[in-house]
Structure formats: C-alpha cells, structure tokens
Amino acid sequence: MKKFTLLVTLSAFSLAVFAGENTNTPAPTGPPKVYIMMRHGKLIEVNRGKKKLVKKDITLVNLTTIHPNGAIDASSGQSLQLKEGQYMTMDGRIRELKDMVRAAPAKG
C-alpha cells in the first residue's frame, strides 16, 4: 500500500511539473503598441495610438539611434534611412506601414 501511495504521489507531482505554462505561444496580433514612423516627411512616434513629432534622437533597446530626419545609425555600424510609409519597432525592425496588421474593431 505504501508503494501505491508513493507511486500516486510521484505521478501527481510529475504531472504538475510537466503541465507548466507553454512558452511557445505566438505573439499577439495587431500593430505594435510603440513604434516610429515616417509620414509626410516627418518622423512620428506612436505610443498606444497617441502620435508625437520626434524632435530629438531616439536610442532603441538594441543601441540603434534614429534621428528626427529619419536617418538611422544601426548598432552594427550600418547607416539607413527610414523612408515614407515605413515604420520601425522599438527593437529596431523596419516594416512597411501598408503591411501593418490592423486590430479587429471592437464589437458592441
């Protein structure tokens, strides 16, 4: 009986350990919450839907610097230019605004 109780206890413990949270979940869909875009020749920071004209250099988490004119000094030493209709995420990825996934409108 002791062996059976021990077996059940170990089984329950191992299920609890292996039933942990799945860390391979896909990223949430929708536009990024914070990004920098080039619109009408001006650099604009969008933070949770609120737009603000960029007047000073911004340094991103990967040490890339983006200047108010859209010039980018990548941490790798590469120089780029953010073009009209592009946006840059705060981790340094450049994407097209037209490809940005729109969040579904709220029902109600």
PDB file of N, CA and C in Angstrom:
ATOM      1  N   MET A   1       0.821  -1.189   0.000  1.00  0.00           N
ATOM      2  CA  MET A   1       0.000   0.000   0.000  1.00  0.00           C
ATOM      3  C   MET A   1       0.868   1.258   0.000  1.00  0.00           C
ATOM      4  N   LYS A   2       2.010   1.191   0.711  1.00  0.00           N
ATOM      5  CA  LYS A   2       2.906   2.345   0.750  1.00  0.00           C
ATOM      6  C   LYS A   2       3.471   2.625  -0.642  1.00  0.00           C
ATOM      7  N   LYS A   3       3.779   1.559  -1.395  1.00  0.00           N
ATOM      8  CA  LYS A   3       4.318   1.737  -2.740  1.00  0.00           C
ATOM      9  C   LYS A   3       3.292   2.394  -3.651  1.00  0.00           C
ATOM     10  N   PHE A   4       2.033   1.965  -3.506  1.00  0.00           N
ATOM     11  CA  PHE A   4       0.981   2.535  -4.330  1.00  0.00           C
ATOM     12  C   PHE A   4       0.799   4.017  -4.022  1.00  0.00           C
ATOM     13  N   THR A   5       0.787   4.388  -2.759  1.00  0.00           N
ATOM     14  CA  THR A   5       0.639   5.785  -2.348  1.00  0.00           C
ATOM     15  C   THR A   5       1.817   6.610  -2.859  1.00  0.00           C
ATOM     16  N   LEU A   6       3.013   6.064  -2.749  1.00  0.00           N
ATOM     17  CA  LEU A   6       4.207   6.754  -3.247  1.00  0.00           C
ATOM     18  C   LEU A   6       4.133   6.942  -4.760  1.00  0.00           C
ATOM     19  N   LEU A   7       3.672   5.924  -5.471  1.00  0.00           N
ATOM     20  CA  LEU A   7       3.545   5.994  -6.919  1.00  0.00           C
ATOM     21  C   LEU A   7       2.531   7.069  -7.328  1.00  0.00           C
ATOM     22  N   VAL A   8       1.396   7.122  -6.665  1.00  0.00           N
ATOM     23  CA  VAL A   8       0.373   8.119  -6.971  1.00  0.00           C
ATOM     24  C   VAL A   8       0.900   9.529  -6.682  1.00  0.00           C
ATOM     25  N   THR A   9       1.598   9.694  -5.570  1.00  0.00           N
ATOM     26  CA  THR A   9       2.143  10.995  -5.206  1.00  0.00           C
ATOM     27  C   THR A   9       3.169  11.456  -6.235  1.00  0.00           C
ATOM     28  N   LEU A  10       4.072  10.581  -6.627  1.00  0.00           N
ATOM     29  CA  LEU A  10       5.086  10.929  -7.630  1.00  0.00           C
ATOM     30  C   LEU A  10       4.451  11.239  -8.981  1.00  0.00           C
ATOM     31  N   SER A  11       3.429  10.482  -9.351  1.00  0.00           N
ATOM     32  CA  SER A  11       2.740  10.732 -10.616  1.00  0.00           C
ATOM     33  C   SER A  11       2.079  12.109 -10.611  1.00  0.00           C
ATOM     34  N   ALA A  12       1.407  12.427  -9.536  1.00  0.00           N
ATOM     35  CA  ALA A  12       0.753  13.732  -9.433  1.00  0.00           C
ATOM     36  C   ALA A  12       1.785  14.852  -9.475  1.00  0.00           C
ATOM     37  N   PHE A  13       2.890  14.677  -8.793  1.00  0.00           N
ATOM     38  CA  PHE A  13       3.946  15.689  -8.784  1.00  0.00           C
ATOM     39  C   PHE A  13       4.533  15.876 -10.178  1.00  0.00           C
ATOM     40  N   SER A  14       4.810  14.789 -10.884  1.00  0.00           N
ATOM     41  CA  SER A  14       5.402  14.895 -12.218  1.00  0.00           C
ATOM     42  C   SER A  14       4.428  15.528 -13.208  1.00  0.00           C
ATOM     43  N   LEU A  15       3.122  15.259 -13.069  1.00  0.00           N
ATOM     44  CA  LEU A  15       2.135  15.916 -13.932  1.00  0.00           C
ATOM     45  C   LEU A  15       2.106  17.419 -13.683  1.00  0.00           C
ATOM     46  N   ALA A  16       2.215  17.803 -12.430  1.00  0.00           N
ATOM     47  CA  ALA A  16       2.207  19.227 -12.092  1.00  0.00           C
ATOM     48  C   ALA A  16       3.437  19.921 -12.670  1.00  0.00           C
ATOM     49  N   VAL A  17       4.573  19.268 -12.645  1.00  0.00           N
ATOM     50  CA  VAL A  17       5.813  19.851 -13.169  1.00  0.00           C
ATOM     51  C   VAL A  17       5.743  19.985 -14.690  1.00  0.00           C
ATOM     52  N   PHE A  18       5.279  18.950 -15.384  1.00  0.00           N
ATOM     53  CA  PHE A  18       5.273  18.962 -16.845  1.00  0.00           C
ATOM     54  C   PHE A  18       4.066  19.683 -17.440  1.00  0.00           C
ATOM     55  N   ALA A  19       3.096  20.022 -16.630  1.00  0.00           N
ATOM     56  CA  ALA A  19       1.922  20.738 -17.132  1.00  0.00           C
ATOM     57  C   ALA A  19       2.111  22.240 -17.006  1.00  0.00           C
ATOM     58  N   GLY A  20       3.363  22.695 -16.905  1.00  0.00           N
ATOM     59  CA  GLY A  20       3.666  24.115 -16.766  1.00  0.00           C
ATOM     60  C   GLY A  20       3.186  24.908 -17.953  1.00  0.00           C
ATOM     61  N   GLU A  21       3.318  26.197 -17.858  1.00  0.00           N
ATOM     62  CA  GLU A  21       2.840  27.107 -18.896  1.00  0.00           C
ATOM     63  C   GLU A  21       3.634  26.922 -20.176  1.00  0.00           C
ATOM     64  N   ASN A  22       2.936  26.917 -21.306  1.00  0.00           N
ATOM     65  CA  ASN A  22       3.567  26.793 -22.614  1.00  0.00           C
ATOM     66  C   ASN A  22       4.165  28.144 -22.996  1.00  0.00           C
ATOM     67  N   THR A  23       5.478  28.214 -23.208  1.00  0.00           N
ATOM     68  CA  THR A  23       6.147  29.475 -23.546  1.00  0.00           C
ATOM     69  C   THR A  23       6.266  29.671 -25.046  1.00  0.00           C
ATOM     70  N   ASN A  24       5.765  28.750 -25.842  1.00  0.00           N
ATOM     71  CA  ASN A  24       5.861  28.854 -27.296  1.00  0.00           C
ATOM     72  C   ASN A  24       4.588  29.414 -27.908  1.00  0.00           C
ATOM     73  N   THR A  25       3.889  30.272 -27.192  1.00  0.00           N
ATOM     74  CA  THR A  25       2.670  30.852 -27.718  1.00  0.00           C
ATOM     75  C   THR A  25       3.017  31.925 -28.741  1.00  0.00           C
ATOM     76  N   PRO A  26       2.204  32.042 -29.785  1.00  0.00           N
ATOM     77  CA  PRO A  26       2.503  33.063 -30.804  1.00  0.00           C
ATOM     78  C   PRO A  26       2.320  34.459 -30.247  1.00  0.00           C
ATOM     79  N   ALA A  27       3.008  35.408 -30.862  1.00  0.00           N
ATOM     80  CA  ALA A  27       2.913  36.809 -30.448  1.00  0.00           C
ATOM     81  C   ALA A  27       1.508  37.320 -30.739  1.00  0.00           C
ATOM     82  N   PRO A  28       1.037  38.251 -29.933  1.00  0.00           N
ATOM     83  CA  PRO A  28      -0.301  38.779 -30.185  1.00  0.00           C
ATOM     84  C   PRO A  28      -0.358  39.493 -31.527  1.00  0.00           C
ATOM     85  N   THR A  29      -1.516  39.384 -32.192  1.00  0.00           N
ATOM     86  CA  THR A  29      -1.655  40.036 -33.489  1.00  0.00           C
ATOM     87  C   THR A  29      -2.053  41.489 -33.286  1.00  0.00           C
ATOM     88  N   GLY A  30      -1.906  42.247 -34.322  1.00  0.00           N
ATOM     89  CA  GLY A  30      -2.237  43.667 -34.238  1.00  0.00           C
ATOM     90  C   GLY A  30      -0.976  44.492 -34.339  1.00  0.00           C
ATOM     91  N   PRO A  31      -1.155  45.780 -34.478  1.00  0.00           N
ATOM     92  CA  PRO A  31       0.010  46.649 -34.621  1.00  0.00           C
ATOM     93  C   PRO A  31       0.807  46.723 -33.320  1.00  0.00           C
ATOM     94  N   PRO A  32       2.100  47.031 -33.434  1.00  0.00           N
ATOM     95  CA  PRO A  32       2.885  47.191 -32.201  1.00  0.00           C
ATOM     96  C   PRO A  32       2.345  48.378 -31.401  1.00  0.00           C
ATOM     97  N   LYS A  33       2.499  48.339 -30.096  1.00  0.00           N
ATOM     98  CA  LYS A  33       1.983  49.404 -29.242  1.00  0.00           C
ATOM     99  C   LYS A  33       2.827  50.673 -29.350  1.00  0.00           C
ATOM    100  N   VAL A  34       4.131  50.510 -29.567  1.00  0.00           N
ATOM    101  CA  VAL A  34       5.024  51.661 -29.686  1.00  0.00           C
ATOM    102  C   VAL A  34       5.887  51.453 -30.931  1.00  0.00           C
ATOM    103  N   TYR A  35       5.901  52.450 -31.802  1.00  0.00           N
ATOM    104  CA  TYR A  35       6.744  52.395 -32.991  1.00  0.00           C
ATOM    105  C   TYR A  35       6.996  53.804 -33.493  1.00  0.00           C
ATOM    106  N   ILE A  36       7.923  53.915 -34.436  1.00  0.00           N
ATOM    107  CA  ILE A  36       8.301  55.200 -35.015  1.00  0.00           C
ATOM    108  C   ILE A  36       8.060  55.101 -36.513  1.00  0.00           C
ATOM    109  N   MET A  37       7.341  56.088 -37.074  1.00  0.00           N
ATOM    110  CA  MET A  37       7.016  56.017 -38.497  1.00  0.00           C
ATOM    111  C   MET A  37       7.381  57.305 -39.220  1.00  0.00           C
ATOM    112  N   MET A  38       7.560  57.176 -40.517  1.00  0.00           N
ATOM    113  CA  MET A  38       7.831  58.323 -41.365  1.00  0.00           C
ATOM    114  C   MET A  38       6.558  58.620 -42.145  1.00  0.00           C
ATOM    115  N   ARG A  39       5.978  59.824 -41.907  1.00  0.00           N
ATOM    116  CA  ARG A  39       4.750  60.241 -42.577  1.00  0.00           C
ATOM    117  C   ARG A  39       4.908  61.685 -43.043  1.00  0.00           C
ATOM    118  N   HIS A  40       4.671  61.915 -44.317  1.00  0.00           N
ATOM    119  CA  HIS A  40       4.747  63.251 -44.905  1.00  0.00           C
ATOM    120  C   HIS A  40       6.089  63.923 -44.601  1.00  0.00           C
ATOM    121  N   GLY A  41       7.159  63.123 -44.644  1.00  0.00           N
ATOM    122  CA  GLY A  41       8.499  63.648 -44.437  1.00  0.00           C
ATOM    123  C   GLY A  41       8.857  63.946 -42.993  1.00  0.00           C
ATOM    124  N   LYS A  42       7.989  63.566 -42.058  1.00  0.00           N
ATOM    125  CA  LYS A  42       8.250  63.820 -40.639  1.00  0.00           C
ATOM    126  C   LYS A  42       8.290  62.505 -39.882  1.00  0.00           C
ATOM    127  N   LEU A  43       9.136  62.480 -38.864  1.00  0.00           N
ATOM    128  CA  LEU A  43       9.262  61.298 -38.028  1.00  0.00           C
ATOM    129  C   LEU A  43       8.278  61.426 -36.864  1.00  0.00           C
ATOM    130  N   ILE A  44       7.441  60.411 -36.696  1.00  0.00           N
ATOM    131  CA  ILE A  44       6.395  60.447 -35.677  1.00  0.00           C
ATOM    132  C   ILE A  44       6.506  59.207 -34.812  1.00  0.00           C
ATOM    133  N   GLU A  45       6.491  59.409 -33.490  1.00  0.00           N
ATOM    134  CA  GLU A  45       6.469  58.296 -32.541  1.00  0.00           C
ATOM    135  C   GLU A  45       5.023  58.021 -32.171  1.00  0.00           C
ATOM    136  N   VAL A  46       4.613  56.760 -32.289  1.00  0.00           N
ATOM    137  CA  VAL A  46       3.257  56.360 -31.933  1.00  0.00           C
ATOM    138  C   VAL A  46       3.358  55.486 -30.688  1.00  0.00           C
ATOM    139  N   ASN A  47       2.714  55.937 -29.619  1.00  0.00           N
ATOM    140  CA  ASN A  47       2.741  55.218 -28.348  1.00  0.00           C
ATOM    141  C   ASN A  47       1.299  54.958 -27.929  1.00  0.00           C
ATOM    142  N   ARG A  48       0.856  53.714 -28.118  1.00  0.00           N
ATOM    143  CA  ARG A  48      -0.507  53.299 -27.789  1.00  0.00           C
ATOM    144  C   ARG A  48      -1.549  54.190 -28.468  1.00  0.00           C
ATOM    145  N   GLY A  49      -1.304  54.493 -29.738  1.00  0.00           N
ATOM    146  CA  GLY A  49      -2.244  55.259 -30.537  1.00  0.00           C
ATOM    147  C   GLY A  49      -2.046  56.766 -30.495  1.00  0.00           C
ATOM    148  N   LYS A  50      -1.253  57.272 -29.565  1.00  0.00           N
ATOM    149  CA  LYS A  50      -1.011  58.708 -29.473  1.00  0.00           C
ATOM    150  C   LYS A  50       0.237  59.057 -30.272  1.00  0.00           C
ATOM    151  N   LYS A  51       0.106  60.031 -31.182  1.00  0.00           N
ATOM    152  CA  LYS A  51       1.210  60.408 -32.066  1.00  0.00           C
ATOM    153  C   LYS A  51       1.914  61.650 -31.535  1.00  0.00           C
ATOM    154  N   LYS A  52       3.260  61.628 -31.669  1.00  0.00           N
ATOM    155  CA  LYS A  52       4.072  62.749 -31.200  1.00  0.00           C
ATOM    156  C   LYS A  52       5.211  62.953 -32.194  1.00  0.00           C
ATOM    157  N   LEU A  53       5.428  64.182 -32.609  1.00  0.00           N
ATOM    158  CA  LEU A  53       6.509  64.512 -33.524  1.00  0.00           C
ATOM    159  C   LEU A  53       7.848  64.296 -32.821  1.00  0.00           C
ATOM    160  N   VAL A  54       8.776  63.623 -33.493  1.00  0.00           N
ATOM    161  CA  VAL A  54      10.095  63.356 -32.916  1.00  0.00           C
ATOM    162  C   VAL A  54      10.979  64.566 -33.177  1.00  0.00           C
ATOM    163  N   LYS A  55      11.516  65.155 -32.113  1.00  0.00           N
ATOM    164  CA  LYS A  55      12.372  66.337 -32.225  1.00  0.00           C
ATOM    165  C   LYS A  55      13.800  66.073 -31.780  1.00  0.00           C
ATOM    166  N   LYS A  56      14.026  64.925 -31.101  1.00  0.00           N
ATOM    167  CA  LYS A  56      15.368  64.576 -30.616  1.00  0.00           C
ATOM    168  C   LYS A  56      15.695  63.160 -31.061  1.00  0.00           C
ATOM    169  N   ASP A  57      16.986  62.824 -31.042  1.00  0.00           N
ATOM    170  CA  ASP A  57      17.411  61.468 -31.351  1.00  0.00           C
ATOM    171  C   ASP A  57      16.776  60.496 -30.365  1.00  0.00           C
ATOM    172  N   ILE A  58      16.440  59.295 -30.870  1.00  0.00           N
ATOM    173  CA  ILE A  58      15.909  58.230 -30.024  1.00  0.00           C
ATOM    174  C   ILE A  58      16.860  57.051 -30.130  1.00  0.00           C
ATOM    175  N   THR A  59      17.284  56.518 -28.986  1.00  0.00           N
ATOM    176  CA  THR A  59      18.124  55.326 -28.956  1.00  0.00           C
ATOM    177  C   THR A  59      17.257  54.147 -28.542  1.00  0.00           C
ATOM    178  N   LEU A  60      17.259  53.104 -29.369  1.00  0.00           N
ATOM    179  CA  LEU A  60      16.433  51.925 -29.131  1.00  0.00           C
ATOM    180  C   LEU A  60      17.144  50.940 -28.222  1.00  0.00           C
ATOM    181  N   VAL A  61      16.433  49.881 -27.836  1.00  0.00           N
ATOM    182  CA  VAL A  61      16.990  48.888 -26.907  1.00  0.00           C
ATOM    183  C   VAL A  61      18.205  48.168 -27.482  1.00  0.00           C
ATOM    184  N   ASN A  62      18.310  48.088 -28.810  1.00  0.00           N
ATOM    185  CA  ASN A  62      19.460  47.413 -29.416  1.00  0.00           C
ATOM    186  C   ASN A  62      20.586  48.397 -29.752  1.00  0.00           C
ATOM    187  N   LEU A  63      20.514  49.614 -29.162  1.00  0.00           N
ATOM    188  CA  LEU A  63      21.503  50.681 -29.321  1.00  0.00           C
ATOM    189  C   LEU A  63      21.509  51.308 -30.713  1.00  0.00           C
ATOM    190  N   THR A  64      20.468  51.085 -31.496  1.00  0.00           N
ATOM    191  CA  THR A  64      20.286  51.777 -32.760  1.00  0.00           C
ATOM    192  C   THR A  64      19.770  53.175 -32.448  1.00  0.00           C
ATOM    193  N   THR A  65      20.268  54.175 -33.165  1.00  0.00           N
ATOM    194  CA  THR A  65      19.815  55.547 -32.972  1.00  0.00           C
ATOM    195  C   THR A  65      19.070  56.004 -34.212  1.00  0.00           C
ATOM    196  N   ILE A  66      17.910  56.629 -34.015  1.00  0.00           N
ATOM    197  CA  ILE A  66      17.154  57.185 -35.126  1.00  0.00           C
ATOM    198  C   ILE A  66      17.037  58.690 -34.898  1.00  0.00           C
ATOM    199  N   HIS A  67      17.374  59.456 -35.933  1.00  0.00           N
ATOM    200  CA  HIS A  67      17.394  60.910 -35.860  1.00  0.00           C
ATOM    201  C   HIS A  67      16.061  61.479 -36.354  1.00  0.00           C
ATOM    202  N   PRO A  68      15.734  62.718 -35.990  1.00  0.00           N
ATOM    203  CA  PRO A  68      14.454  63.318 -36.396  1.00  0.00           C
ATOM    204  C   PRO A  68      14.224  63.392 -37.909  1.00  0.00           C
ATOM    205  N   ASN A  69      15.294  63.350 -38.696  1.00  0.00           N
ATOM    206  CA  ASN A  69      15.133  63.369 -40.156  1.00  0.00           C
ATOM    207  C   ASN A  69      14.943  61.970 -40.738  1.00  0.00           C
ATOM    208  N   GLY A  70      14.901  60.935 -39.882  1.00  0.00           N
ATOM    209  CA  GLY A  70      14.695  59.561 -40.339  1.00  0.00           C
ATOM    210  C   GLY A  70      15.974  58.792 -40.583  1.00  0.00           C
ATOM    211  N   ALA A  71      17.130  59.439 -40.413  1.00  0.00           N
ATOM    212  CA  ALA A  71      18.413  58.742 -40.574  1.00  0.00           C
ATOM    213  C   ALA A  71      18.586  57.775 -39.405  1.00  0.00           C
ATOM    214  N   ILE A  72      19.093  56.589 -39.716  1.00  0.00           N
ATOM    215  CA  ILE A  72      19.252  55.539 -38.707  1.00  0.00           C
ATOM    216  C   ILE A  72      20.717  55.139 -38.645  1.00  0.00           C
ATOM    217  N   ASP A  73      21.273  55.142 -37.436  1.00  0.00           N
ATOM    218  CA  ASP A  73      22.608  54.620 -37.194  1.00  0.00           C
ATOM    219  C   ASP A  73      22.434  53.301 -36.451  1.00  0.00           C
ATOM    220  N   ALA A  74      22.534  52.196 -37.188  1.00  0.00           N
ATOM    221  CA  ALA A  74      22.354  50.879 -36.584  1.00  0.00           C
ATOM    222  C   ALA A  74      23.528  50.562 -35.674  1.00  0.00           C
ATOM    223  N   SER A  75      23.264  49.743 -34.669  1.00  0.00           N
ATOM    224  CA  SER A  75      24.321  49.371 -33.723  1.00  0.00           C
ATOM    225  C   SER A  75      25.436  48.584 -34.413  1.00  0.00           C
ATOM    226  N   SER A  76      25.138  48.019 -35.585  1.00  0.00           N
ATOM    227  CA  SER A  76      26.140  47.272 -36.349  1.00  0.00           C
ATOM    228  C   SER A  76      27.064  48.206 -37.134  1.00  0.00           C
ATOM    229  N   GLY A  77      26.779  49.530 -37.118  1.00  0.00           N
ATOM    230  CA  GLY A  77      27.586  50.485 -37.852  1.00  0.00           C
ATOM    231  C   GLY A  77      26.983  50.863 -39.190  1.00  0.00           C
ATOM    232  N   GLN A  78      25.923  50.191 -39.577  1.00  0.00           N
ATOM    233  CA  GLN A  78      25.264  50.451 -40.849  1.00  0.00           C
ATOM    234  C   GLN A  78      24.413  51.720 -40.754  1.00  0.00           C
ATOM    235  N   SER A  79      24.409  52.526 -41.829  1.00  0.00           N
ATOM    236  CA  SER A  79      23.577  53.726 -41.888  1.00  0.00           C
ATOM    237  C   SER A  79      22.406  53.465 -42.820  1.00  0.00           C
ATOM    238  N   LEU A  80      21.194  53.772 -42.353  1.00  0.00           N
ATOM    239  CA  LEU A  80      19.982  53.561 -43.128  1.00  0.00           C
ATOM    240  C   LEU A  80      19.149  54.832 -43.097  1.00  0.00           C
ATOM    241  N   GLN A  81      18.100  54.856 -43.884  1.00  0.00           N
ATOM    242  CA  GLN A  81      17.166  55.974 -43.890  1.00  0.00           C
ATOM    243  C   GLN A  81      15.751  55.392 -43.847  1.00  0.00           C
ATOM    244  N   LEU A  82      14.964  55.816 -42.859  1.00  0.00           N
ATOM    245  CA  LEU A  82      13.563  55.415 -42.798  1.00  0.00           C
ATOM    246  C   LEU A  82      12.831  56.186 -43.886  1.00  0.00           C
ATOM    247  N   LYS A  83      12.157  55.456 -44.767  1.00  0.00           N
ATOM    248  CA  LYS A  83      11.506  56.076 -45.912  1.00  0.00           C
ATOM    249  C   LYS A  83      10.030  56.311 -45.629  1.00  0.00           C
ATOM    250  N   GLU A  84       9.429  57.141 -46.461  1.00  0.00           N
ATOM    251  CA  GLU A  84       7.999  57.435 -46.367  1.00  0.00           C
ATOM    252  C   GLU A  84       7.208  56.119 -46.404  1.00  0.00           C
ATOM    253  N   GLY A  85       6.291  55.941 -45.457  1.00  0.00           N
ATOM    254  CA  GLY A  85       5.466  54.738 -45.418  1.00  0.00           C
ATOM    255  C   GLY A  85       6.092  53.573 -44.677  1.00  0.00           C
ATOM    256  N   GLN A  86       7.243  53.774 -44.038  1.00  0.00           N
ATOM    257  CA  GLN A  86       7.872  52.722 -43.251  1.00  0.00           C
ATOM    258  C   GLN A  86       7.739  53.052 -41.766  1.00  0.00           C
ATOM    259  N   TYR A  87       7.863  52.015 -40.944  1.00  0.00           N
ATOM    260  CA  TYR A  87       7.928  52.231 -39.508  1.00  0.00           C
ATOM    261  C   TYR A  87       8.989  51.337 -38.908  1.00  0.00           C
ATOM    262  N   MET A  88       9.460  51.717 -37.740  1.00  0.00           N
ATOM    263  CA  MET A  88      10.491  50.953 -37.043  1.00  0.00           C
ATOM    264  C   MET A  88       9.960  50.606 -35.659  1.00  0.00           C
ATOM    265  N   THR A  89      10.071  49.323 -35.305  1.00  0.00           N
ATOM    266  CA  THR A  89       9.668  48.898 -33.973  1.00  0.00           C
ATOM    267  C   THR A  89      10.767  49.288 -32.990  1.00  0.00           C
ATOM    268  N   MET A  90      10.461  49.263 -31.727  1.00  0.00           N
ATOM    269  CA  MET A  90      11.419  49.702 -30.719  1.00  0.00           C
ATOM    270  C   MET A  90      12.583  48.720 -30.541  1.00  0.00           C
ATOM    271  N   ASP A  91      12.527  47.576 -31.212  1.00  0.00           N
ATOM    272  CA  ASP A  91      13.673  46.669 -31.183  1.00  0.00           C
ATOM    273  C   ASP A  91      14.487  46.759 -32.475  1.00  0.00           C
ATOM    274  N   GLY A  92      14.161  47.750 -33.333  1.00  0.00           N
ATOM    275  CA  GLY A  92      14.994  48.034 -34.495  1.00  0.00           C
ATOM    276  C   GLY A  92      14.566  47.412 -35.805  1.00  0.00           C
ATOM    277  N   ARG A  93      13.426  46.742 -35.858  1.00  0.00           N
ATOM    278  CA  ARG A  93      12.972  46.136 -37.114  1.00  0.00           C
ATOM    279  C   ARG A  93      12.226  47.174 -37.949  1.00  0.00           C
ATOM    280  N   ILE A  94      12.533  47.228 -39.238  1.00  0.00           N
ATOM    281  CA  ILE A  94      11.868  48.157 -40.148  1.00  0.00           C
ATOM    282  C   ILE A  94      10.826  47.385 -40.946  1.00  0.00           C
ATOM    283  N   ARG A  95       9.605  47.950 -40.994  1.00  0.00           N
ATOM    284  CA  ARG A  95       8.494  47.324 -41.693  1.00  0.00           C
ATOM    285  C   ARG A  95       7.755  48.376 -42.511  1.00  0.00           C
ATOM    286  N   GLU A  96       6.858  47.922 -43.373  1.00  0.00           N
ATOM    287  CA  GLU A  96       6.026  48.805 -44.193  1.00  0.00           C
ATOM    288  C   GLU A  96       4.704  49.075 -43.467  1.00  0.00           C
ATOM    289  N   LEU A  97       4.286  50.337 -43.442  1.00  0.00           N
ATOM    290  CA  LEU A  97       3.015  50.688 -42.812  1.00  0.00           C
ATOM    291  C   LEU A  97       1.841  49.978 -43.477  1.00  0.00           C
ATOM    292  N   LYS A  98       1.899  49.810 -44.795  1.00  0.00           N
ATOM    293  CA  LYS A  98       0.793  49.167 -45.501  1.00  0.00           C
ATOM    294  C   LYS A  98       0.637  47.696 -45.111  1.00  0.00           C
ATOM    295  N   ASP A  99       1.701  47.086 -44.578  1.00  0.00           N
ATOM    296  CA  ASP A  99       1.651  45.686 -44.170  1.00  0.00           C
ATOM    297  C   ASP A  99       1.266  45.510 -42.705  1.00  0.00           C
ATOM    298  N   MET A 100       1.096  46.620 -41.996  1.00  0.00           N
ATOM    299  CA  MET A 100       0.787  46.541 -40.572  1.00  0.00           C
ATOM    300  C   MET A 100      -0.581  45.892 -40.383  1.00  0.00           C
ATOM    301  N   VAL A 101      -0.637  44.915 -39.504  1.00  0.00           N
ATOM    302  CA  VAL A 101      -1.879  44.223 -39.216  1.00  0.00           C
ATOM    303  C   VAL A 101      -2.737  45.126 -38.357  1.00  0.00           C
ATOM    304  N   ARG A 102      -3.936  45.349 -38.777  1.00  0.00           N
ATOM    305  CA  ARG A 102      -4.861  46.189 -38.022  1.00  0.00           C
ATOM    306  C   ARG A 102      -5.581  45.340 -36.989  1.00  0.00           C
ATOM    307  N   ALA A 103      -5.802  45.911 -35.823  1.00  0.00           N
ATOM    308  CA  ALA A 103      -6.565  45.223 -34.784  1.00  0.00           C
ATOM    309  C   ALA A 103      -8.030  45.190 -35.213  1.00  0.00           C
ATOM    310  N   ALA A 104      -8.712  44.105 -34.891  1.00  0.00           N
ATOM    311  CA  ALA A 104     -10.119  43.972 -35.230  1.00  0.00           C
ATOM    312  C   ALA A 104     -10.943  44.987 -34.449  1.00  0.00           C
ATOM    313  N   PRO A 105     -11.924  45.613 -35.086  1.00  0.00           N
ATOM    314  CA  PRO A 105     -12.746  46.583 -34.370  1.00  0.00           C
ATOM    315  C   PRO A 105     -13.540  45.909 -33.261  1.00  0.00           C
ATOM    316  N   ALA A 106     -13.719  46.617 -32.172  1.00  0.00           N
ATOM    317  CA  ALA A 106     -14.445  46.069 -31.016  1.00  0.00           C
ATOM    318  C   ALA A 106     -15.919  45.975 -31.351  1.00  0.00           C
ATOM    319  N   LYS A 107     -16.537  44.891 -30.913  1.00  0.00           N
ATOM    320  CA  LYS A 107     -17.971  44.705 -31.129  1.00  0.00           C
ATOM    321  C   LYS A 107     -18.710  45.257 -29.929  1.00  0.00           C
ATOM    322  N   GLY A 108     -19.856  45.846 -30.191  1.00  0.00           N
ATOM    323  CA  GLY A 108     -20.640  46.267 -29.041  1.00  0.00           C
ATOM    324  C   GLY A 108     -21.345  47.467 -29.278  1.00  0.00           C
TER     325      GLY A 108
END
